[in-house]
Amino acid sequence: MNSLKKLRDSYIIWHANRIKFPDFAQSPVVRKNITFSGKVQNVGFRLELWRLAQRLNLKGWVKNSDDGSVIAELQGEESKIDFLIKSMQSLKRATVNEPHIVELPFSDEELDIKIIR
């Protein structure tokens, strides 16, 4: 990994770790497939989404799509997933169009959040 990418990645993790979370009201556990389109690749979007999901104790995965979008499948409290979506839309280094969200059936399998390359 080149030193500029390492520097960018460490900044993204630092930024994601600084985001303050509100006090979340308890909400139902849901599973959503979210497609973020716009300028979302090559700006650390996937890494920040992964780190925030990790901090929010969400489960699932995130990956780049061949069409230039980023796709995430997340399971957890609905209020936390909604907060994550709004946070990703507010990033200054990315341009996020309205995300496409599909509700999925809840899964009992025990997953961690992971980045698919």
Protein backbone atom coordinates (compact mmCIF):
# COMPACT_ATOMS: atom_id res chain seq x y z
CA MET A 1 0.00 0.00 0.00
CA ASN A 2 1.49 3.34 -0.90
CA SER A 3 2.08 5.97 1.75
CA LEU A 4 -0.58 8.38 0.43
CA LYS A 5 -3.27 5.69 0.67
CA LYS A 6 -2.12 4.83 4.21
CA LEU A 7 -2.31 8.50 5.14
CA ARG A 8 -5.78 8.86 3.61
CA ASP A 9 -7.03 5.71 5.32
CA SER A 10 -5.72 6.81 8.72
CA TYR A 11 -7.47 10.19 8.26
CA ILE A 12 -10.74 8.44 7.37
CA ILE A 13 -10.57 6.20 10.45
CA TRP A 14 -9.72 9.23 12.60
CA HIS A 15 -12.68 11.14 11.13
CA ALA A 16 -15.10 8.23 11.61
CA ASN A 17 -13.97 7.80 15.21
CA ARG A 18 -14.66 11.48 15.98
CA ILE A 19 -18.31 11.46 14.92
CA LYS A 20 -20.50 11.92 17.96
CA PHE A 21 -23.51 9.66 18.21
CA PRO A 22 -26.84 10.82 19.59
CA ASP A 23 -28.64 8.88 22.30
CA PHE A 24 -30.52 6.38 20.18
CA ALA A 25 -34.04 5.47 21.16
CA GLN A 26 -34.53 1.74 21.06
CA SER A 27 -35.82 0.71 17.66
CA PRO A 28 -36.61 -2.56 15.86
CA VAL A 29 -33.83 -4.59 14.30
CA VAL A 30 -34.02 -4.45 10.51
CA ARG A 31 -31.93 -5.50 7.53
CA LYS A 32 -31.46 -3.11 4.61
CA ASN A 33 -29.62 -3.18 1.31
CA ILE A 34 -28.44 0.36 0.52
CA THR A 35 -26.92 1.55 -2.75
CA PHE A 36 -25.02 4.84 -2.56
CA SER A 37 -24.39 6.42 -5.96
CA GLY A 38 -22.61 9.60 -6.97
CA LYS A 39 -18.92 10.29 -6.28
CA VAL A 40 -18.51 7.57 -3.67
CA GLN A 41 -15.52 5.57 -4.91
CA ASN A 42 -11.85 6.56 -4.43
CA VAL A 43 -12.74 8.96 -1.59
CA GLY A 44 -12.63 6.54 1.37
CA PHE A 45 -16.41 6.21 1.47
CA ARG A 46 -16.46 2.43 1.88
CA LEU A 47 -13.87 2.53 4.69
CA GLU A 48 -15.76 5.25 6.59
CA LEU A 49 -19.07 3.43 6.17
CA TRP A 50 -17.45 0.23 7.49
CA ARG A 51 -15.92 1.99 10.53
CA LEU A 52 -19.15 3.79 11.44
CA ALA A 53 -21.14 0.56 11.08
CA GLN A 54 -18.60 -1.15 13.31
CA ARG A 55 -18.92 1.57 15.97
CA LEU A 56 -22.73 1.34 15.77
CA ASN A 57 -22.61 -2.46 16.25
CA LEU A 58 -24.24 -3.11 12.90
CA LYS A 59 -23.77 -6.37 11.01
CA GLY A 60 -23.37 -7.00 7.29
CA TRP A 61 -21.02 -5.95 4.51
CA VAL A 62 -20.01 -3.09 2.23
CA LYS A 63 -18.47 -3.25 -1.25
CA ASN A 64 -17.73 -1.23 -4.37
CA SER A 65 -19.90 -1.97 -7.38
CA ASP A 66 -18.65 -2.06 -10.97
CA ASP A 67 -21.00 0.81 -11.86
CA GLY A 68 -19.23 3.23 -9.47
CA SER A 69 -21.68 2.92 -6.58
CA VAL A 70 -21.11 1.51 -3.10
CA ILE A 71 -23.48 -1.17 -1.84
CA ALA A 72 -24.01 -2.03 1.82
CA GLU A 73 -26.18 -4.65 3.41
CA LEU A 74 -26.68 -3.75 7.05
CA GLN A 75 -28.58 -5.30 9.92
CA GLY A 76 -29.18 -3.65 13.27
CA GLU A 77 -31.38 -1.14 15.00
CA GLU A 78 -33.23 0.94 12.44
CA SER A 79 -32.38 4.25 14.13
CA LYS A 80 -28.65 3.44 13.89
CA ILE A 81 -28.85 2.45 10.23
CA ASP A 82 -30.76 5.66 9.44
CA PHE A 83 -28.13 7.71 11.32
CA LEU A 84 -25.35 6.02 9.32
CA ILE A 85 -27.10 6.76 6.02
CA LYS A 86 -27.49 10.46 6.93
CA SER A 87 -23.86 10.63 8.06
CA MET A 88 -22.65 9.20 4.76
CA GLN A 89 -24.81 11.66 2.80
CA SER A 90 -23.23 14.57 4.67
CA LEU A 91 -19.59 13.74 3.83
CA LYS A 92 -17.82 16.67 2.22
CA ARG A 93 -15.35 14.56 0.20
CA ALA A 94 -18.14 12.55 -1.46
CA THR A 95 -21.18 13.47 -3.49
CA VAL A 96 -24.02 11.13 -2.58
CA ASN A 97 -27.22 10.96 -4.59
CA GLU A 98 -30.40 9.83 -2.85
CA PRO A 99 -29.59 6.30 -1.63
CA HIS A 100 -31.63 3.39 -2.95
CA ILE A 101 -32.85 1.37 0.06
CA VAL A 102 -34.41 -2.09 -0.05
CA GLU A 103 -35.85 -3.68 3.10
CA LEU A 104 -34.73 -7.29 3.53
CA PRO A 105 -35.87 -10.08 5.86
CA PHE A 106 -34.07 -10.21 9.21
CA SER A 107 -31.29 -12.82 9.37
CA ASP A 108 -30.39 -14.85 12.47
CA GLU A 109 -26.86 -15.59 11.30
CA GLU A 110 -24.19 -13.99 13.44
CA LEU A 111 -22.18 -11.69 11.17
CA ASP A 112 -19.63 -8.98 11.71
CA ILE A 113 -19.42 -5.93 9.50
CA LYS A 114 -16.87 -6.52 6.72
CA ILE A 115 -15.52 -4.87 3.61
CA ILE A 116 -15.75 -6.98 0.48
CA ARG A 117 -13.05 -6.15 -2.01
